[in-house]
């Protein structure tokens, strides 16, 4: 047993510097590049459901209801300027500045781990409820990405953000629909309450977090 321990020490001691570097974790304080497919000046809205059957990022809407592509891409680099491949998606997420976007567990992470080029994307629908009237940021653990928030707002048929679309949400929606306009219930973003919003409310009934 002593001979084996001595042999192990000798092997570890004789590792070349190049080999030693390959088994050390990379440094993580490099650049993070985030881009929004939409390059215009207007604010976008994305409709969410807690079961992930809301709108894709390619179906975000301008204030007049026009669909635009709001796909988000993020690329991670280490401190040597090399891309960080296969970084876990669950360690990347979106948050609204006002806390109005209320995700299910892992509900606002990107679609996949970073690829071999260190890139990942938000294209598929989020699993989330609530509504936000302020823009959003992406996060890597301990790091808020970018200096300027993304011009993206969110709303959901899960209006109270409790993870399920039920009678409570229908009651909230009805009160707004027959009362004063409120962005939180303008599910088909066009600045007014109409049958398109009712359709999306109906689409969401019964949806819940996984």
C-alpha atoms as a PDB file:
ATOM      1  CA  UNK A   1       0.000   0.000   0.000  1.00  0.00           C
ATOM      2  CA  UNK A   2       2.860   2.370   0.859  1.00  0.00           C
ATOM      3  CA  UNK A   3       4.565   1.542  -2.428  1.00  0.00           C
ATOM      4  CA  UNK A   4       1.359   2.342  -4.358  1.00  0.00           C
ATOM      5  CA  UNK A   5       0.995   5.698  -2.586  1.00  0.00           C
ATOM      6  CA  UNK A   6       4.618   6.546  -3.361  1.00  0.00           C
ATOM      7  CA  UNK A   7       4.129   5.622  -7.010  1.00  0.00           C
ATOM      8  CA  UNK A   8       1.016   7.838  -7.219  1.00  0.00           C
ATOM      9  CA  UNK A   9       2.917  10.799  -5.777  1.00  0.00           C
ATOM     10  CA  UNK A  10       5.712  10.280  -8.299  1.00  0.00           C
ATOM     11  CA  UNK A  11       3.275  10.137 -11.209  1.00  0.00           C
ATOM     12  CA  UNK A  12       1.491  13.329 -10.163  1.00  0.00           C
ATOM     13  CA  UNK A  13       4.814  15.085  -9.591  1.00  0.00           C
ATOM     14  CA  UNK A  14       6.050  14.182 -13.059  1.00  0.00           C
ATOM     15  CA  UNK A  15       3.002  15.466 -14.930  1.00  0.00           C
ATOM     16  CA  UNK A  16       4.093  17.969 -17.574  1.00  0.00           C
ATOM     17  CA  UNK A  17       2.856  21.591 -17.176  1.00  0.00           C
ATOM     18  CA  UNK A  18       0.847  21.246 -20.411  1.00  0.00           C
ATOM     19  CA  UNK A  19      -1.015  18.195 -19.145  1.00  0.00           C
ATOM     20  CA  UNK A  20      -1.557  19.793 -15.752  1.00  0.00           C
ATOM     21  CA  UNK A  21      -3.173  22.783 -17.434  1.00  0.00           C
ATOM     22  CA  UNK A  22      -5.665  20.605 -19.291  1.00  0.00           C
ATOM     23  CA  UNK A  23      -7.051  19.110 -16.097  1.00  0.00           C
ATOM     24  CA  UNK A  24      -7.436  22.440 -14.298  1.00  0.00           C
ATOM     25  CA  UNK A  25     -10.748  24.253 -14.665  1.00  0.00           C
ATOM     26  CA  UNK A  26     -10.640  27.299 -16.984  1.00  0.00           C
ATOM     27  CA  UNK A  27     -10.844  30.811 -15.585  1.00  0.00           C
ATOM     28  CA  UNK A  28     -14.382  32.174 -15.875  1.00  0.00           C
ATOM     29  CA  UNK A  29     -13.911  35.953 -15.730  1.00  0.00           C
ATOM     30  CA  UNK A  30     -13.835  36.545 -19.486  1.00  0.00           C
ATOM     31  CA  UNK A  31     -16.240  38.349 -21.794  1.00  0.00           C
ATOM     32  CA  UNK A  32     -19.944  37.586 -22.146  1.00  0.00           C
ATOM     33  CA  UNK A  33     -21.566  38.712 -25.376  1.00  0.00           C
ATOM     34  CA  UNK A  34     -25.349  38.930 -25.510  1.00  0.00           C
ATOM     35  CA  UNK A  35     -27.368  39.948 -28.552  1.00  0.00           C
ATOM     36  CA  UNK A  36     -31.051  40.423 -29.373  1.00  0.00           C
ATOM     37  CA  UNK A  37     -32.158  39.535 -32.907  1.00  0.00           C
ATOM     38  CA  UNK A  38     -34.458  42.576 -32.999  1.00  0.00           C
ATOM     39  CA  UNK A  39     -32.503  45.787 -33.634  1.00  0.00           C
ATOM     40  CA  UNK A  40     -35.290  48.372 -33.614  1.00  0.00           C
ATOM     41  CA  UNK A  41     -36.113  51.006 -31.016  1.00  0.00           C
ATOM     42  CA  UNK A  42     -39.484  49.782 -29.756  1.00  0.00           C
ATOM     43  CA  UNK A  43     -40.277  47.685 -26.702  1.00  0.00           C
ATOM     44  CA  UNK A  44     -41.179  44.041 -27.281  1.00  0.00           C
ATOM     45  CA  UNK A  45     -43.590  41.799 -25.388  1.00  0.00           C
ATOM     46  CA  UNK A  46     -43.504  38.019 -24.973  1.00  0.00           C
ATOM     47  CA  UNK A  47     -46.533  35.999 -23.845  1.00  0.00           C
ATOM     48  CA  UNK A  48     -45.678  33.142 -21.469  1.00  0.00           C
ATOM     49  CA  UNK A  49     -47.427  30.132 -19.970  1.00  0.00           C
ATOM     50  CA  UNK A  50     -46.111  28.067 -17.052  1.00  0.00           C
ATOM     51  CA  UNK A  51     -46.177  24.863 -19.120  1.00  0.00           C
ATOM     52  CA  UNK A  52     -44.022  26.331 -21.880  1.00  0.00           C
ATOM     53  CA  UNK A  53     -46.823  26.612 -24.464  1.00  0.00           C
ATOM     54  CA  UNK A  54     -46.625  30.380 -24.781  1.00  0.00           C
ATOM     55  CA  UNK A  55     -44.951  32.358 -27.548  1.00  0.00           C
ATOM     56  CA  UNK A  56     -41.496  31.587 -28.890  1.00  0.00           C
ATOM     57  CA  UNK A  57     -38.974  34.402 -28.922  1.00  0.00           C
ATOM     58  CA  UNK A  58     -39.499  34.590 -32.692  1.00  0.00           C
ATOM     59  CA  UNK A  59     -43.127  35.512 -31.890  1.00  0.00           C
ATOM     60  CA  UNK A  60     -42.478  38.544 -29.711  1.00  0.00           C
ATOM     61  CA  UNK A  61     -44.735  41.501 -30.456  1.00  0.00           C
ATOM     62  CA  UNK A  62     -44.317  45.209 -30.992  1.00  0.00           C
ATOM     63  CA  UNK A  63     -46.808  47.552 -29.265  1.00  0.00           C
ATOM     64  CA  UNK A  64     -49.051  47.423 -32.362  1.00  0.00           C
ATOM     65  CA  UNK A  65     -49.199  43.612 -32.359  1.00  0.00           C
ATOM     66  CA  UNK A  66     -46.665  43.023 -35.153  1.00  0.00           C
ATOM     67  CA  UNK A  67     -44.612  39.881 -34.690  1.00  0.00           C
ATOM     68  CA  UNK A  68     -40.830  40.248 -34.583  1.00  0.00           C
ATOM     69  CA  UNK A  69     -37.904  37.972 -33.801  1.00  0.00           C
ATOM     70  CA  UNK A  70     -36.565  38.578 -30.287  1.00  0.00           C
ATOM     71  CA  UNK A  71     -34.255  35.551 -30.134  1.00  0.00           C
ATOM     72  CA  UNK A  72     -31.484  36.111 -27.592  1.00  0.00           C
ATOM     73  CA  UNK A  73     -27.987  34.736 -28.144  1.00  0.00           C
ATOM     74  CA  UNK A  74     -25.227  34.567 -25.546  1.00  0.00           C
ATOM     75  CA  UNK A  75     -21.582  33.597 -25.990  1.00  0.00           C
ATOM     76  CA  UNK A  76     -19.227  32.962 -23.057  1.00  0.00           C
ATOM     77  CA  UNK A  77     -15.450  33.439 -23.175  1.00  0.00           C
ATOM     78  CA  UNK A  78     -12.850  32.613 -20.538  1.00  0.00           C
ATOM     79  CA  UNK A  79     -10.101  34.995 -19.400  1.00  0.00           C
ATOM     80  CA  UNK A  80      -7.859  33.806 -22.261  1.00  0.00           C
ATOM     81  CA  UNK A  81     -10.470  34.818 -24.843  1.00  0.00           C
ATOM     82  CA  UNK A  82     -11.414  31.231 -25.634  1.00  0.00           C
ATOM     83  CA  UNK A  83     -15.089  30.198 -25.866  1.00  0.00           C
ATOM     84  CA  UNK A  84     -16.483  28.170 -22.963  1.00  0.00           C
ATOM     85  CA  UNK A  85     -18.180  25.108 -24.493  1.00  0.00           C
ATOM     86  CA  UNK A  86     -20.911  23.023 -22.867  1.00  0.00           C
ATOM     87  CA  UNK A  87     -21.564  25.487 -20.042  1.00  0.00           C
ATOM     88  CA  UNK A  88     -24.790  24.270 -18.356  1.00  0.00           C
ATOM     89  CA  UNK A  89     -27.976  26.027 -19.408  1.00  0.00           C
ATOM     90  CA  UNK A  90     -29.353  25.829 -15.856  1.00  0.00           C
ATOM     91  CA  UNK A  91     -26.686  28.328 -14.770  1.00  0.00           C
ATOM     92  CA  UNK A  92     -27.960  30.978 -17.211  1.00  0.00           C
ATOM     93  CA  UNK A  93     -31.330  32.702 -16.887  1.00  0.00           C
ATOM     94  CA  UNK A  94     -33.446  35.804 -17.528  1.00  0.00           C
ATOM     95  CA  UNK A  95     -34.978  38.130 -14.937  1.00  0.00           C
ATOM     96  CA  UNK A  96     -37.140  41.224 -15.245  1.00  0.00           C
ATOM     97  CA  UNK A  97     -35.897  44.289 -13.413  1.00  0.00           C
ATOM     98  CA  UNK A  98     -39.170  44.712 -11.532  1.00  0.00           C
ATOM     99  CA  UNK A  99     -39.410  41.029 -10.571  1.00  0.00           C
ATOM    100  CA  UNK A 100     -42.696  40.730 -12.450  1.00  0.00           C
ATOM    101  CA  UNK A 101     -41.543  37.764 -14.530  1.00  0.00           C
ATOM    102  CA  UNK A 102     -42.141  34.773 -12.233  1.00  0.00           C
ATOM    103  CA  UNK A 103     -40.525  31.600 -13.603  1.00  0.00           C
ATOM    104  CA  UNK A 104     -41.172  27.964 -12.893  1.00  0.00           C
ATOM    105  CA  UNK A 105     -38.047  26.068 -11.804  1.00  0.00           C
ATOM    106  CA  UNK A 106     -35.517  26.563 -14.626  1.00  0.00           C
ATOM    107  CA  UNK A 107     -38.280  28.359 -16.516  1.00  0.00           C
ATOM    108  CA  UNK A 108     -36.176  31.149 -18.032  1.00  0.00           C
ATOM    109  CA  UNK A 109     -32.982  29.286 -18.933  1.00  0.00           C
ATOM    110  CA  UNK A 110     -31.772  29.053 -22.565  1.00  0.00           C
ATOM    111  CA  UNK A 111     -32.710  26.181 -24.825  1.00  0.00           C
ATOM    112  CA  UNK A 112     -29.429  24.252 -24.486  1.00  0.00           C
ATOM    113  CA  UNK A 113     -25.973  24.241 -22.923  1.00  0.00           C
ATOM    114  CA  UNK A 114     -23.432  26.365 -24.762  1.00  0.00           C
ATOM    115  CA  UNK A 115     -22.189  24.702 -27.937  1.00  0.00           C
ATOM    116  CA  UNK A 116     -18.570  24.120 -28.986  1.00  0.00           C
ATOM    117  CA  UNK A 117     -18.327  27.839 -29.809  1.00  0.00           C
ATOM    118  CA  UNK A 118     -19.502  28.866 -26.342  1.00  0.00           C
ATOM    119  CA  UNK A 119     -22.914  30.027 -27.623  1.00  0.00           C
ATOM    120  CA  UNK A 120     -26.474  29.347 -26.555  1.00  0.00           C
ATOM    121  CA  UNK A 121     -29.898  30.795 -27.391  1.00  0.00           C
ATOM    122  CA  UNK A 122     -33.307  31.714 -26.023  1.00  0.00           C
ATOM    123  CA  UNK A 123     -35.798  30.790 -28.745  1.00  0.00           C
ATOM    124  CA  UNK A 124     -38.279  28.290 -27.270  1.00  0.00           C
ATOM    125  CA  UNK A 125     -41.088  29.593 -25.012  1.00  0.00           C
ATOM    126  CA  UNK A 126     -40.335  30.278 -21.374  1.00  0.00           C
ATOM    127  CA  UNK A 127     -42.123  28.499 -18.529  1.00  0.00           C
ATOM    128  CA  UNK A 128     -43.284  31.453 -16.479  1.00  0.00           C
ATOM    129  CA  UNK A 129     -46.132  33.572 -15.186  1.00  0.00           C
ATOM    130  CA  UNK A 130     -46.601  37.124 -13.990  1.00  0.00           C
ATOM    131  CA  UNK A 131     -46.090  40.327 -15.937  1.00  0.00           C
ATOM    132  CA  UNK A 132     -43.273  42.851 -16.109  1.00  0.00           C
ATOM    133  CA  UNK A 133     -43.295  46.519 -17.043  1.00  0.00           C
ATOM    134  CA  UNK A 134     -39.521  46.880 -16.926  1.00  0.00           C
ATOM    135  CA  UNK A 135     -36.853  45.437 -19.207  1.00  0.00           C
ATOM    136  CA  UNK A 136     -34.897  42.272 -18.490  1.00  0.00           C
ATOM    137  CA  UNK A 137     -31.301  41.158 -17.979  1.00  0.00           C
ATOM    138  CA  UNK A 138     -29.589  37.825 -18.448  1.00  0.00           C
ATOM    139  CA  UNK A 139     -27.605  36.354 -15.587  1.00  0.00           C
ATOM    140  CA  UNK A 140     -24.646  34.031 -15.193  1.00  0.00           C
ATOM    141  CA  UNK A 141     -24.140  33.007 -11.532  1.00  0.00           C
ATOM    142  CA  UNK A 142     -22.999  36.115  -9.712  1.00  0.00           C
ATOM    143  CA  UNK A 143     -22.882  38.197 -12.903  1.00  0.00           C
ATOM    144  CA  UNK A 144     -25.486  40.496 -14.435  1.00  0.00           C
ATOM    145  CA  UNK A 145     -24.791  40.407 -18.169  1.00  0.00           C
ATOM    146  CA  UNK A 146     -24.513  43.655 -20.089  1.00  0.00           C
ATOM    147  CA  UNK A 147     -24.872  47.290 -19.085  1.00  0.00           C
ATOM    148  CA  UNK A 148     -28.111  47.919 -20.976  1.00  0.00           C
ATOM    149  CA  UNK A 149     -31.199  45.759 -20.302  1.00  0.00           C
ATOM    150  CA  UNK A 150     -32.951  43.971 -23.146  1.00  0.00           C
ATOM    151  CA  UNK A 151     -36.126  45.842 -24.281  1.00  0.00           C
ATOM    152  CA  UNK A 152     -38.356  42.866 -23.589  1.00  0.00           C
ATOM    153  CA  UNK A 153     -41.479  42.796 -21.401  1.00  0.00           C
ATOM    154  CA  UNK A 154     -43.487  39.736 -20.370  1.00  0.00           C
ATOM    155  CA  UNK A 155     -47.050  38.813 -19.510  1.00  0.00           C
ATOM    156  CA  UNK A 156     -48.876  35.559 -18.934  1.00  0.00           C
ATOM    157  CA  UNK A 157     -52.295  33.992 -18.465  1.00  0.00           C
ATOM    158  CA  UNK A 158     -50.860  32.960 -15.073  1.00  0.00           C
ATOM    159  CA  UNK A 159     -51.535  36.508 -13.992  1.00  0.00           C
ATOM    160  CA  UNK A 160     -50.874  36.054 -10.288  1.00  0.00           C
ATOM    161  CA  UNK A 161     -47.703  34.055 -10.923  1.00  0.00           C
ATOM    162  CA  UNK A 162     -48.607  31.096  -8.720  1.00  0.00           C
ATOM    163  CA  UNK A 163     -47.548  28.543 -11.326  1.00  0.00           C
ATOM    164  CA  UNK A 164     -50.996  27.542 -12.605  1.00  0.00           C
ATOM    165  CA  UNK A 165     -53.683  29.179 -14.757  1.00  0.00           C
ATOM    166  CA  UNK A 166     -56.973  28.766 -12.899  1.00  0.00           C
ATOM    167  CA  UNK A 167     -60.137  30.548 -11.774  1.00  0.00           C
ATOM    168  CA  UNK A 168     -58.147  33.167  -9.880  1.00  0.00           C
ATOM    169  CA  UNK A 169     -56.457  34.241 -13.098  1.00  0.00           C
ATOM    170  CA  UNK A 170     -59.731  34.141 -15.047  1.00  0.00           C
ATOM    171  CA  UNK A 171     -61.271  36.448 -12.433  1.00  0.00           C
ATOM    172  CA  UNK A 172     -58.370  38.897 -12.697  1.00  0.00           C
ATOM    173  CA  UNK A 173     -58.555  38.827 -16.486  1.00  0.00           C
ATOM    174  CA  UNK A 174     -62.338  39.397 -16.540  1.00  0.00           C
ATOM    175  CA  UNK A 175     -62.076  42.383 -14.227  1.00  0.00           C
ATOM    176  CA  UNK A 176     -59.535  44.033 -16.521  1.00  0.00           C
ATOM    177  CA  UNK A 177     -61.253  42.995 -19.754  1.00  0.00           C
ATOM    178  CA  UNK A 178     -64.501  44.696 -18.759  1.00  0.00           C
ATOM    179  CA  UNK A 179     -62.777  47.557 -16.960  1.00  0.00           C
ATOM    180  CA  UNK A 180     -59.680  49.684 -17.452  1.00  0.00           C
ATOM    181  CA  UNK A 181     -56.917  48.619 -19.825  1.00  0.00           C
ATOM    182  CA  UNK A 182     -53.935  46.960 -18.151  1.00  0.00           C
ATOM    183  CA  UNK A 183     -50.839  45.595 -19.888  1.00  0.00           C
ATOM    184  CA  UNK A 184     -50.878  42.473 -17.716  1.00  0.00           C
ATOM    185  CA  UNK A 185     -53.989  41.219 -19.556  1.00  0.00           C
ATOM    186  CA  UNK A 186     -53.050  42.429 -23.047  1.00  0.00           C
ATOM    187  CA  UNK A 187     -51.818  38.969 -23.973  1.00  0.00           C
ATOM    188  CA  UNK A 188     -51.929  39.683 -27.705  1.00  0.00           C
ATOM    189  CA  UNK A 189     -50.008  42.927 -27.374  1.00  0.00           C
ATOM    190  CA  UNK A 190     -51.825  45.593 -29.367  1.00  0.00           C
ATOM    191  CA  UNK A 191     -52.775  48.185 -26.759  1.00  0.00           C
ATOM    192  CA  UNK A 192     -56.381  47.098 -26.353  1.00  0.00           C
ATOM    193  CA  UNK A 193     -58.496  44.365 -24.844  1.00  0.00           C
ATOM    194  CA  UNK A 194     -60.150  42.200 -27.497  1.00  0.00           C
ATOM    195  CA  UNK A 195     -61.000  38.672 -28.610  1.00  0.00           C
ATOM    196  CA  UNK A 196     -57.334  37.878 -29.296  1.00  0.00           C
ATOM    197  CA  UNK A 197     -56.591  38.270 -25.576  1.00  0.00           C
ATOM    198  CA  UNK A 198     -59.563  36.057 -24.697  1.00  0.00           C
ATOM    199  CA  UNK A 199     -58.170  33.393 -27.013  1.00  0.00           C
ATOM    200  CA  UNK A 200     -54.826  33.391 -25.285  1.00  0.00           C
ATOM    201  CA  UNK A 201     -56.484  33.280 -21.884  1.00  0.00           C
ATOM    202  CA  UNK A 202     -58.459  30.239 -23.025  1.00  0.00           C
ATOM    203  CA  UNK A 203     -55.264  28.664 -24.372  1.00  0.00           C
ATOM    204  CA  UNK A 204     -53.692  28.960 -20.961  1.00  0.00           C
ATOM    205  CA  UNK A 205     -56.456  27.600 -18.722  1.00  0.00           C
ATOM    206  CA  UNK A 206     -55.133  24.594 -16.830  1.00  0.00           C
ATOM    207  CA  UNK A 207     -51.500  25.212 -17.730  1.00  0.00           C
ATOM    208  CA  UNK A 208     -49.136  24.677 -14.815  1.00  0.00           C
ATOM    209  CA  UNK A 209     -45.453  24.420 -14.043  1.00  0.00           C
ATOM    210  CA  UNK A 210     -43.988  20.947 -14.706  1.00  0.00           C
END
